[in-house]
Amino acid sequence: MAVNRTLTLLSRSAGRISSAGHQFCRPITSSSSPVESGESKSRSVYGGRHTVTLIPGDGIGPELAASVKEVFRHANVPVNFEEIVVSGLISQEDAINEAVTSIKRNGVGLKGVLRTKLEDVEQKSLNMILRTELDIFANVVVCKSIPGVKSRHDNVDIVVIRENTEGEYSGLEHEGVPGVVESFKVITRESSHRIAKYAFDYATQHGRKKVTAIHKANIMKLSDGLFLRECEKVSKLYSGIEFNSMIIDNCCMQLVSNPWQFDVMVMPNLYGNIVSNIGAALVGGAGVCPGRNVGNHYIVFEQGARHAALDMAFRNLANPTAMLLTSASMLRHLGLHWHAQTIENAVYKTISVEKTSTKDIGGDATTSAFVQAVAKNLQPPQ
C-alpha cells in the first residue's frame, strides 16, 4: 500500500512516474533561452514606465520593499509596482495564484521572502509554488565582497547557481507506517541538463573562467550521479571554461577556508540553499547579497539569502543593501542601466566612503537612516 501511495504522489506532483511505476523524463529539446539572455523588458510598458509585480513578503520584507520604493522615488525610476500582498504565515494559496498571474502578465517580479511554517505539515511552500508555476528554474546568488563591510575573507567573488524546482524541495513526503516517513528527492535529466547549461552560459557571458558542480554522488549514486553526469556532459561543449566537481561536505569546508578557488558554482536545490547562505556569510551576511530566479519566460528578483527575519520585523533594524542591489539588477534587466548604476553607486558610496551601515555589518544606522543616506548619494554615473 505504501508503494502505491508513493507512485500516486509522484504521478500527481512531479509528473515523472506513471501509475504503472515506470520512471521517465521528457526528452531534452532546444527550448527557448532564459529571459535574461537577450534584451529583456517587462511586458507591461506604458508611457515609458515599466510595470513590475512586487511581493513584499513576510518579516522584514515590507520594510525592504518600502526602502526600494523610496530610493526609486528619489532616483525618478520609471517603474510602477503592482503590489500583491502574500504571507506564508497564513494559508494564502489564492494570493500566491494572484501573484503568479501578475508576474505572467508583467514578466518581471520583485519579492521578499515568504515564510513557510514548520508546524503546519499541510502547508505548501508558497515560494515553491511560485517557482514551479513560473518554472523559474535557476536561482542566482552573487556573493561578492563589498569594500567597507568587514568579513573574515576579502576579495571574495562567487556566483552560486541553484536548480530551483526539484530535488528535496519537491515536497513528496508521506508516513507509510507510524513512525516511518519517506521523503523523495526528484532529480531529472532535463532539469540537470538545463541548469548545467545555464551555469556555463552564465560563465561565458560574464567573463567567468570556471564552473564547479557540487554533489553527493558518492552516496546518492543515482540522483546526484545523474546530475553530475549531465554537468560533465555539458562541460565538454565549453572548451574555454574550466570544469571540476566537489562533494558538498568538502565544498562547505573549502568555502570557509579557501573561497577564492571558486568562481561559478552549480548544484541541486538543497545544496544551493546551504551554499548560498555560506557564501552570504563570507561577505557580510544575509543583508548584502543580491539574487534572482530565472526561467525561460519570467524572472523574479529577490535577495540572495532568503531570511524573513521575523524577530527584526518593524523594528527599523533591517539592512536594505541586498534588496537595493537586487532592485538595481532588476533595472539593468529592464534596460534601465543608468538608473541601475546610479543606485548601485549610491549604495557603495554610503557603505564604503561614508561608512554608514546597519548594525548587522558593524554600523549603527537604522533602516530608514541608511535609505536616506543612499537617497542623498544618488548622483548620475560618470
Protein backbone atom coordinates (compact mmCIF):
# COMPACT_ATOMS: atom_id res chain seq x y z
CA MET A 1 0.00 0.00 0.00
CA ALA A 2 2.87 2.37 0.81
CA VAL A 3 4.34 1.76 -2.66
CA ASN A 4 1.03 2.52 -4.38
CA ARG A 5 0.65 5.72 -2.41
CA THR A 6 4.20 6.72 -3.31
CA LEU A 7 3.52 6.22 -7.01
CA THR A 8 0.33 8.25 -6.78
CA LEU A 9 2.13 11.12 -5.04
CA LEU A 10 4.90 11.15 -7.60
CA SER A 11 2.50 10.95 -10.51
CA ARG A 12 0.34 13.81 -9.27
CA SER A 13 3.06 16.12 -8.02
CA ALA A 14 6.02 15.58 -10.30
CA GLY A 15 4.68 14.01 -13.47
CA ARG A 16 7.77 11.87 -13.72
CA ILE A 17 6.47 8.44 -12.73
CA SER A 18 3.46 6.83 -14.36
CA SER A 19 0.75 4.98 -12.47
CA ALA A 20 2.43 1.75 -13.53
CA GLY A 21 5.60 2.79 -11.76
CA HIS A 22 7.75 3.38 -14.85
CA GLN A 23 10.15 6.28 -14.41
CA PHE A 24 10.55 8.61 -17.34
CA CYS A 25 11.84 12.02 -18.23
CA ARG A 26 10.81 14.36 -21.01
CA PRO A 27 13.41 14.39 -23.78
CA ILE A 28 15.83 17.27 -23.78
CA THR A 29 14.81 19.67 -26.50
CA SER A 30 16.03 23.05 -27.68
CA SER A 31 13.74 25.20 -25.55
CA SER A 32 13.81 28.98 -25.55
CA SER A 33 16.66 30.72 -23.79
CA PRO A 34 16.34 32.14 -20.26
CA VAL A 35 14.75 35.57 -20.29
CA GLU A 36 17.89 37.38 -19.16
CA SER A 37 19.88 36.26 -22.18
CA GLY A 38 18.65 38.92 -24.57
CA GLU A 39 17.38 42.47 -24.38
CA SER A 40 14.65 41.68 -21.90
CA LYS A 41 12.00 44.19 -20.91
CA SER A 42 8.91 43.97 -18.77
CA ARG A 43 5.83 43.03 -20.75
CA SER A 44 3.88 45.96 -19.35
CA VAL A 45 5.33 49.26 -20.51
CA TYR A 46 3.06 52.29 -20.72
CA GLY A 47 4.25 55.79 -21.47
CA GLY A 48 7.86 54.74 -20.94
CA ARG A 49 7.15 53.27 -17.50
CA HIS A 50 7.57 49.59 -16.68
CA THR A 51 5.10 47.68 -14.51
CA VAL A 52 6.69 45.15 -12.16
CA THR A 53 4.97 42.78 -9.74
CA LEU A 54 6.00 43.47 -6.14
CA ILE A 55 5.54 40.86 -3.40
CA PRO A 56 6.82 42.41 -0.13
CA GLY A 57 6.74 39.08 1.73
CA ASP A 58 6.91 38.35 5.45
CA GLY A 59 9.06 39.59 8.33
CA ILE A 60 11.33 42.44 7.23
CA GLY A 61 10.06 42.13 3.66
CA PRO A 62 7.59 45.07 3.80
CA GLU A 63 10.32 47.37 5.20
CA LEU A 64 12.75 46.33 2.46
CA ALA A 65 10.08 46.85 -0.21
CA ALA A 66 9.38 50.31 1.20
CA SER A 67 13.13 51.06 1.06
CA VAL A 68 13.24 50.18 -2.63
CA LYS A 69 10.20 52.33 -3.39
CA GLU A 70 11.72 55.27 -1.51
CA VAL A 71 15.04 55.07 -3.37
CA PHE A 72 13.24 54.62 -6.70
CA ARG A 73 11.20 57.75 -5.93
CA HIS A 74 14.33 59.81 -5.29
CA ALA A 75 16.04 58.40 -8.38
CA ASN A 76 12.99 59.04 -10.60
CA VAL A 77 12.97 55.41 -11.74
CA PRO A 78 10.27 54.82 -14.39
CA VAL A 79 8.79 51.76 -12.69
CA ASN A 80 5.28 51.23 -11.33
CA PHE A 81 4.77 48.40 -8.86
CA GLU A 82 1.72 46.16 -8.96
CA GLU A 83 1.81 45.12 -5.32
CA ILE A 84 0.42 41.73 -4.28
CA VAL A 85 0.21 41.04 -0.55
CA VAL A 86 1.05 37.41 0.18
CA SER A 87 2.04 35.86 3.52
CA GLY A 88 3.28 32.39 4.34
CA LEU A 89 2.27 32.95 7.96
CA ILE A 90 -1.28 32.11 6.97
CA SER A 91 -2.51 29.82 4.22
CA GLN A 92 -2.78 32.04 1.13
CA GLU A 93 -2.69 29.88 -1.97
CA ASP A 94 -5.28 32.15 -3.59
CA ALA A 95 -2.97 35.13 -3.05
CA ILE A 96 0.08 33.33 -4.47
CA ASN A 97 -2.00 32.35 -7.50
CA GLU A 98 -2.84 36.04 -7.94
CA ALA A 99 0.88 36.81 -7.74
CA VAL A 100 1.65 34.15 -10.37
CA THR A 101 -0.95 35.68 -12.69
CA SER A 102 0.51 39.15 -12.15
CA ILE A 103 4.05 38.01 -12.95
CA LYS A 104 2.85 36.21 -16.06
CA ARG A 105 1.23 39.46 -17.15
CA ASN A 106 4.22 41.68 -16.35
CA GLY A 107 7.07 39.25 -16.99
CA VAL A 108 9.13 40.57 -14.07
CA GLY A 109 8.73 40.37 -10.30
CA LEU A 110 10.49 41.65 -7.18
CA LYS A 111 9.78 39.74 -3.98
CA GLY A 112 10.63 39.33 -0.34
CA VAL A 113 10.81 36.01 1.47
CA LEU A 114 7.56 34.17 2.17
CA ARG A 115 7.75 32.30 5.45
CA THR A 116 6.91 28.58 5.48
CA LYS A 117 5.66 27.46 8.89
CA LEU A 118 7.38 24.39 10.35
CA GLU A 119 4.42 23.31 12.43
CA ASP A 120 1.87 23.16 9.58
CA VAL A 121 2.56 19.88 7.77
CA GLU A 122 -0.24 20.53 5.29
CA GLN A 123 1.00 23.94 4.17
CA LYS A 124 2.77 24.04 0.83
CA SER A 125 5.72 26.37 0.49
CA LEU A 126 4.41 29.45 -1.29
CA ASN A 127 7.93 30.13 -2.51
CA MET A 128 8.00 26.72 -4.19
CA ILE A 129 4.54 27.20 -5.70
CA LEU A 130 5.79 30.42 -7.28
CA ARG A 131 8.96 28.82 -8.64
CA THR A 132 7.29 25.74 -10.08
CA GLU A 133 4.24 27.54 -11.53
CA LEU A 134 6.51 30.02 -13.32
CA ASP A 135 9.25 27.44 -13.96
CA ILE A 136 11.91 29.89 -12.77
CA PHE A 137 14.46 27.12 -12.62
CA ALA A 138 17.73 28.96 -11.89
CA ASN A 139 18.40 30.76 -8.63
CA VAL A 140 21.46 33.01 -8.98
CA VAL A 141 23.15 34.49 -5.90
CA VAL A 142 26.14 36.83 -6.18
CA CYS A 143 28.42 36.57 -3.15
CA LYS A 144 30.90 39.42 -3.62
CA SER A 145 32.90 41.36 -1.05
CA ILE A 146 31.85 44.99 -0.59
CA PRO A 147 34.57 47.46 0.42
CA GLY A 148 33.74 48.76 3.87
CA VAL A 149 31.98 45.59 5.01
CA LYS A 150 34.22 43.73 7.43
CA SER A 151 34.39 39.96 6.97
CA ARG A 152 36.83 37.15 7.61
CA HIS A 153 37.90 37.00 3.95
CA ASP A 154 38.50 39.80 1.46
CA ASN A 155 38.03 39.85 -2.32
CA VAL A 156 35.50 37.03 -2.44
CA ASP A 157 33.62 36.86 -5.75
CA ILE A 158 31.46 33.75 -6.15
CA VAL A 159 28.27 33.12 -8.09
CA VAL A 160 26.06 30.32 -6.74
CA ILE A 161 23.64 28.84 -9.29
CA ARG A 162 20.99 26.59 -7.79
CA GLU A 163 18.46 24.35 -9.51
CA ASN A 164 15.23 25.83 -8.22
CA THR A 165 12.35 23.46 -8.94
CA GLU A 166 13.04 19.90 -7.80
CA GLY A 167 15.36 17.86 -5.55
CA GLU A 168 14.36 17.57 -1.90
CA TYR A 169 12.10 20.58 -2.40
CA SER A 170 9.70 18.51 -4.50
CA GLY A 171 7.65 18.17 -1.29
CA LEU A 172 6.87 14.49 -1.81
CA GLU A 173 6.63 13.01 1.68
CA HIS A 174 4.36 10.55 3.44
CA GLU A 175 4.26 8.42 6.55
CA GLY A 176 3.77 4.90 5.19
CA VAL A 177 3.51 3.37 8.65
CA PRO A 178 3.51 5.17 12.01
CA GLY A 179 6.99 6.43 12.83
CA VAL A 180 8.42 5.87 9.31
CA VAL A 181 8.49 8.82 6.92
CA GLU A 182 9.59 8.62 3.30
CA SER A 183 10.77 11.79 1.54
CA PHE A 184 11.51 11.72 -2.18
CA LYS A 185 14.31 13.57 -3.90
CA VAL A 186 13.42 14.06 -7.55
CA ILE A 187 16.31 14.68 -9.96
CA THR A 188 15.67 14.62 -13.71
CA ARG A 189 17.99 14.60 -16.67
CA GLU A 190 16.18 17.53 -18.27
CA SER A 191 16.41 19.83 -15.26
CA SER A 192 20.01 18.82 -14.55
CA HIS A 193 20.98 19.49 -18.15
CA ARG A 194 19.36 22.91 -18.35
CA ILE A 195 20.80 24.18 -15.05
CA ALA A 196 24.25 22.98 -16.09
CA LYS A 197 23.89 24.71 -19.45
CA TYR A 198 22.64 27.86 -17.73
CA ALA A 199 25.72 27.87 -15.46
CA PHE A 200 28.14 27.53 -18.36
CA ASP A 201 26.27 30.14 -20.40
CA TYR A 202 26.38 32.48 -17.39
CA ALA A 203 30.12 31.92 -17.02
CA THR A 204 30.67 32.62 -20.73
CA GLN A 205 28.53 35.77 -20.79
CA HIS A 206 30.04 37.23 -17.61
CA GLY A 207 33.70 36.52 -18.31
CA ARG A 208 33.99 33.81 -15.69
CA LYS A 209 36.66 31.13 -16.02
CA LYS A 210 35.49 28.13 -14.02
CA VAL A 211 32.35 26.15 -13.13
CA THR A 212 32.27 23.79 -10.15
CA ALA A 213 29.48 21.22 -9.82
CA ILE A 214 28.52 20.39 -6.23
CA HIS A 215 27.04 16.95 -5.46
CA LYS A 216 26.88 13.93 -3.16
CA ALA A 217 27.14 11.31 -5.87
CA ASN A 218 29.33 9.09 -3.73
CA ILE A 219 26.24 8.31 -1.63
CA MET A 220 23.26 9.23 -3.82
CA LYS A 221 24.67 7.48 -6.85
CA LEU A 222 21.53 7.57 -9.00
CA SER A 223 20.13 11.05 -8.26
CA ASP A 224 23.28 13.10 -7.73
CA GLY A 225 25.08 10.78 -10.11
CA LEU A 226 22.65 11.81 -12.85
CA PHE A 227 23.14 15.49 -12.02
CA LEU A 228 26.93 15.16 -12.09
CA ARG A 229 26.94 13.27 -15.40
CA GLU A 230 24.82 15.95 -17.04
CA CYS A 231 27.20 18.64 -15.78
CA GLU A 232 30.16 16.69 -17.15
CA LYS A 233 28.38 16.23 -20.47
CA VAL A 234 27.59 19.94 -20.81
CA SER A 235 31.14 20.94 -19.79
CA LYS A 236 32.52 19.27 -22.91
CA LEU A 237 30.66 21.84 -25.03
CA TYR A 238 32.52 24.76 -23.40
CA SER A 239 36.24 24.30 -24.03
CA GLY A 240 37.09 27.76 -22.73
CA ILE A 241 35.60 27.16 -19.27
CA GLU A 242 37.41 25.05 -16.69
CA PHE A 243 35.24 22.43 -15.01
CA ASN A 244 35.59 20.48 -11.79
CA SER A 245 33.31 18.90 -9.22
CA MET A 246 33.26 18.66 -5.45
CA ILE A 247 31.30 16.74 -2.82
CA ILE A 248 29.00 19.02 -0.82
CA ASP A 249 30.53 18.41 2.62
CA ASN A 250 34.06 19.12 1.36
CA CYS A 251 32.66 22.12 -0.50
CA CYS A 252 31.38 23.68 2.73
CA MET A 253 34.80 23.30 4.36
CA GLN A 254 36.61 24.66 1.30
CA LEU A 255 34.28 27.66 1.10
CA VAL A 256 35.15 28.90 4.58
CA SER A 257 38.87 28.07 4.33
CA ASN A 258 39.69 28.98 0.71
CA PRO A 259 36.77 30.69 -1.05
CA TRP A 260 38.99 32.13 -3.81
CA GLN A 261 39.18 28.76 -5.55
CA PHE A 262 35.52 29.10 -6.58
CA ASP A 263 34.09 31.13 -9.42
CA VAL A 264 30.70 29.86 -10.66
CA MET A 265 29.15 27.02 -8.68
CA VAL A 266 26.20 24.91 -9.85
CA MET A 267 24.24 22.44 -7.75
CA PRO A 268 20.89 20.82 -6.95
CA ASN A 269 18.26 22.61 -4.90
CA LEU A 270 19.05 21.82 -1.25
CA TYR A 271 22.81 22.19 -1.62
CA GLY A 272 22.23 25.55 -3.28
CA ASN A 273 20.28 26.79 -0.30
CA ILE A 274 23.11 25.79 2.06
CA VAL A 275 25.97 27.06 -0.11
CA SER A 276 24.34 30.42 -0.92
CA ASN A 277 23.91 31.09 2.80
CA ILE A 278 27.54 30.20 3.48
CA GLY A 279 28.53 32.45 0.60
CA ALA A 280 26.47 35.29 2.04
CA ALA A 281 28.12 34.82 5.44
CA LEU A 282 31.56 35.09 3.81
CA VAL A 283 30.86 38.62 2.56
CA GLY A 284 28.82 40.13 5.37
CA GLY A 285 25.61 38.16 5.84
CA ALA A 286 22.08 37.90 4.53
CA GLY A 287 21.73 41.65 4.11
CA VAL A 288 24.29 42.19 1.36
CA CYS A 289 23.84 39.55 -1.37
CA PRO A 290 21.56 40.19 -4.37
CA GLY A 291 19.78 37.36 -6.17
CA ARG A 292 17.37 36.42 -8.92
CA ASN A 293 15.25 33.50 -10.13
CA VAL A 294 15.37 32.96 -13.87
CA GLY A 295 13.17 30.97 -16.24
CA ASN A 296 12.61 30.84 -19.96
CA HIS A 297 9.66 33.23 -19.79
CA TYR A 298 9.72 35.03 -16.43
CA ILE A 299 12.22 36.41 -13.97
CA VAL A 300 11.74 37.16 -10.26
CA PHE A 301 14.31 39.12 -8.30
CA GLU A 302 14.85 38.58 -4.57
CA GLN A 303 17.77 38.93 -2.20
CA GLY A 304 20.20 36.04 -2.28
CA ALA A 305 19.94 34.75 1.29
CA ARG A 306 16.29 34.03 1.98
CA HIS A 307 15.53 35.00 5.56
CA ALA A 308 12.24 36.55 6.65
CA ALA A 309 13.84 37.64 9.98
CA LEU A 310 10.52 37.77 11.84
CA ASP A 311 12.31 38.82 15.04
CA MET A 312 13.54 42.02 13.35
CA ALA A 313 10.28 42.96 11.64
CA PHE A 314 9.11 46.57 12.01
CA ARG A 315 11.97 47.48 14.34
CA ASN A 316 13.83 49.65 11.81
CA LEU A 317 16.84 47.33 12.00
CA ALA A 318 16.83 45.55 8.63
CA ASN A 319 19.69 46.00 6.17
CA PRO A 320 18.28 47.13 2.79
CA THR A 321 21.58 46.66 0.91
CA ALA A 322 20.78 43.29 -0.64
CA MET A 323 17.29 44.36 -1.72
CA LEU A 324 18.56 47.63 -3.20
CA LEU A 325 21.29 45.83 -5.15
CA THR A 326 18.71 43.25 -6.24
CA SER A 327 16.42 46.02 -7.46
CA ALA A 328 19.33 47.59 -9.36
CA SER A 329 19.91 44.24 -11.04
CA MET A 330 16.23 44.23 -11.98
CA LEU A 331 16.56 47.69 -13.51
CA ARG A 332 19.50 46.53 -15.59
CA HIS A 333 17.37 43.64 -16.82
CA LEU A 334 14.70 46.15 -17.84
CA GLY A 335 17.26 48.10 -19.83
CA LEU A 336 17.37 50.95 -17.29
CA HIS A 337 21.15 50.81 -16.98
CA TRP A 338 21.60 54.46 -15.99
CA HIS A 339 19.21 54.16 -13.06
CA ALA A 340 20.73 50.82 -12.02
CA GLN A 341 24.25 52.24 -11.94
CA THR A 342 23.09 55.34 -10.08
CA ILE A 343 21.55 53.25 -7.29
CA GLU A 344 24.48 50.83 -7.06
CA ASN A 345 26.98 53.72 -6.85
CA ALA A 346 24.91 55.35 -4.10
CA VAL A 347 24.76 52.13 -2.06
CA TYR A 348 28.50 51.52 -2.36
CA LYS A 349 29.35 55.14 -1.56
CA THR A 350 27.12 55.06 1.52
CA ILE A 351 28.86 51.94 2.87
CA SER A 352 32.43 52.29 1.62
CA VAL A 353 33.05 56.05 1.64
CA GLU A 354 30.68 57.48 4.23
CA LYS A 355 30.91 54.39 6.45
CA THR A 356 27.16 54.40 7.02
CA SER A 357 25.76 50.91 7.55
CA THR A 358 23.27 48.95 9.62
CA LYS A 359 24.14 47.01 12.78
CA ASP A 360 24.43 43.61 11.10
CA ILE A 361 27.57 44.72 9.24
CA GLY A 362 29.13 46.76 12.04
CA GLY A 363 27.38 50.12 11.79
CA ASP A 364 24.74 51.82 13.87
CA ALA A 365 22.36 53.19 11.24
CA THR A 366 18.68 52.31 11.24
CA THR A 367 16.95 51.07 8.11
CA SER A 368 15.41 54.47 7.43
CA ALA A 369 18.66 56.34 8.10
CA PHE A 370 20.55 54.09 5.69
CA VAL A 371 17.90 54.61 2.99
CA GLN A 372 18.04 58.37 3.42
CA ALA A 373 21.84 58.27 3.14
CA VAL A 374 21.58 56.29 -0.09
CA ALA A 375 18.98 58.73 -1.43
CA LYS A 376 21.31 61.65 -0.66
CA ASN A 377 24.12 59.96 -2.58
CA LEU A 378 22.12 59.42 -5.76
CA GLN A 379 24.19 61.09 -8.45
CA PRO A 380 24.36 60.50 -12.21
CA PRO A 381 27.08 57.96 -13.07
CA GLN A 382 30.22 59.49 -14.59
